[in-house]
Amino acid sequence: MTYNLAASQPPEMLRVHVVARRLGCSPRTIRRLILNGKLAAQRLGQRPWVVLSTDIEHFRSRRDAA
């Protein structure tokens, strides 16, 4: 997912445990969503997964529409 370059702040890069807390589920569930392609995430080198805050909002809107 991309973000609006004209926006004043770039989206936050959040670790899996923070995303889990925001979505009210376990970190294991978040990793499963990432590996199944349902939640966009990226790795920065050898570091753990990070999820952009805009991707969380996109995931929530798709989940709520279903």
C-alpha atoms as a PDB file:
ATOM      1  CA  MET A   1       0.000   0.000   0.000  1.00  0.00           C
ATOM      2  CA  THR A   2       1.231   3.493  -0.718  1.00  0.00           C
ATOM      3  CA  TYR A   3       0.551   6.682   1.131  1.00  0.00           C
ATOM      4  CA  ASN A   4      -0.098  10.243   0.083  1.00  0.00           C
ATOM      5  CA  LEU A   5       3.236  12.014  -0.314  1.00  0.00           C
ATOM      6  CA  ALA A   6       1.515  15.346   0.256  1.00  0.00           C
ATOM      7  CA  ALA A   7       0.501  14.247   3.753  1.00  0.00           C
ATOM      8  CA  SER A   8       2.380  15.963   6.537  1.00  0.00           C
ATOM      9  CA  GLN A   9       3.395  12.754   8.312  1.00  0.00           C
ATOM     10  CA  PRO A  10       4.413   9.413   6.810  1.00  0.00           C
ATOM     11  CA  PRO A  11       2.562   6.411   8.236  1.00  0.00           C
ATOM     12  CA  GLU A  12       3.891   4.755  11.362  1.00  0.00           C
ATOM     13  CA  MET A  13       5.857   1.528  11.018  1.00  0.00           C
ATOM     14  CA  LEU A  14       4.518  -0.816  13.677  1.00  0.00           C
ATOM     15  CA  ARG A  15       5.840  -4.131  14.972  1.00  0.00           C
ATOM     16  CA  VAL A  16       3.616  -7.205  15.098  1.00  0.00           C
ATOM     17  CA  HIS A  17       2.873  -7.017  18.830  1.00  0.00           C
ATOM     18  CA  VAL A  18       1.693  -3.402  18.525  1.00  0.00           C
ATOM     19  CA  VAL A  19      -0.566  -4.269  15.577  1.00  0.00           C
ATOM     20  CA  ALA A  20      -1.991  -7.183  17.577  1.00  0.00           C
ATOM     21  CA  ARG A  21      -2.809  -4.880  20.469  1.00  0.00           C
ATOM     22  CA  ARG A  22      -4.503  -2.372  18.152  1.00  0.00           C
ATOM     23  CA  LEU A  23      -6.597  -5.047  16.447  1.00  0.00           C
ATOM     24  CA  GLY A  24      -7.377  -6.949  19.657  1.00  0.00           C
ATOM     25  CA  CYS A  25      -5.805 -10.277  18.718  1.00  0.00           C
ATOM     26  CA  SER A  26      -2.595 -12.215  19.284  1.00  0.00           C
ATOM     27  CA  PRO A  27       0.741 -11.605  17.558  1.00  0.00           C
ATOM     28  CA  ARG A  28       0.466 -15.139  16.165  1.00  0.00           C
ATOM     29  CA  THR A  29      -2.795 -14.187  14.436  1.00  0.00           C
ATOM     30  CA  ILE A  30      -1.140 -11.107  12.929  1.00  0.00           C
ATOM     31  CA  ARG A  31       1.752 -13.201  11.583  1.00  0.00           C
ATOM     32  CA  ARG A  32      -0.755 -15.650  10.104  1.00  0.00           C
ATOM     33  CA  LEU A  33      -2.649 -12.792   8.399  1.00  0.00           C
ATOM     34  CA  ILE A  34       0.634 -11.489   6.982  1.00  0.00           C
ATOM     35  CA  LEU A  35       1.744 -14.895   5.686  1.00  0.00           C
ATOM     36  CA  ASN A  36      -1.701 -15.506   4.119  1.00  0.00           C
ATOM     37  CA  GLY A  37      -1.543 -12.149   2.322  1.00  0.00           C
ATOM     38  CA  LYS A  38      -4.514 -10.659   4.169  1.00  0.00           C
ATOM     39  CA  LEU A  39      -2.488  -7.965   5.934  1.00  0.00           C
ATOM     40  CA  ALA A  40       0.247  -6.100   4.093  1.00  0.00           C
ATOM     41  CA  ALA A  41       3.620  -6.037   5.835  1.00  0.00           C
ATOM     42  CA  GLN A  42       7.274  -5.860   5.010  1.00  0.00           C
ATOM     43  CA  ARG A  43      10.591  -6.887   6.422  1.00  0.00           C
ATOM     44  CA  LEU A  44      13.421  -4.457   6.719  1.00  0.00           C
ATOM     45  CA  GLY A  45      16.436  -6.668   6.101  1.00  0.00           C
ATOM     46  CA  GLN A  46      16.648  -9.387   8.741  1.00  0.00           C
ATOM     47  CA  ARG A  47      14.387  -7.497  11.132  1.00  0.00           C
ATOM     48  CA  PRO A  48      10.914  -8.689  12.154  1.00  0.00           C
ATOM     49  CA  TRP A  49       7.802  -7.778  10.217  1.00  0.00           C
ATOM     50  CA  VAL A  50       6.564  -4.186  10.257  1.00  0.00           C
ATOM     51  CA  VAL A  51       3.105  -3.006   9.261  1.00  0.00           C
ATOM     52  CA  LEU A  52       2.300   0.527   8.139  1.00  0.00           C
ATOM     53  CA  SER A  53      -0.489   2.230  10.071  1.00  0.00           C
ATOM     54  CA  THR A  54      -2.266   2.907   6.760  1.00  0.00           C
ATOM     55  CA  ASP A  55      -2.281  -0.841   6.055  1.00  0.00           C
ATOM     56  CA  ILE A  56      -4.013  -1.451   9.391  1.00  0.00           C
ATOM     57  CA  GLU A  57      -6.759   0.995   8.421  1.00  0.00           C
ATOM     58  CA  HIS A  58      -7.073  -0.659   5.008  1.00  0.00           C
ATOM     59  CA  PHE A  59      -7.346  -4.084   6.675  1.00  0.00           C
ATOM     60  CA  ARG A  60     -10.000  -2.802   9.111  1.00  0.00           C
ATOM     61  CA  SER A  61     -12.102  -1.323   6.305  1.00  0.00           C
ATOM     62  CA  ARG A  62     -11.995  -4.586   4.319  1.00  0.00           C
ATOM     63  CA  ARG A  63     -12.784  -6.619   7.450  1.00  0.00           C
ATOM     64  CA  ASP A  64     -15.722  -4.376   8.370  1.00  0.00           C
ATOM     65  CA  ALA A  65     -17.127  -4.513   4.823  1.00  0.00           C
ATOM     66  CA  ALA A  66     -17.198  -8.333   4.866  1.00  0.00           C
END
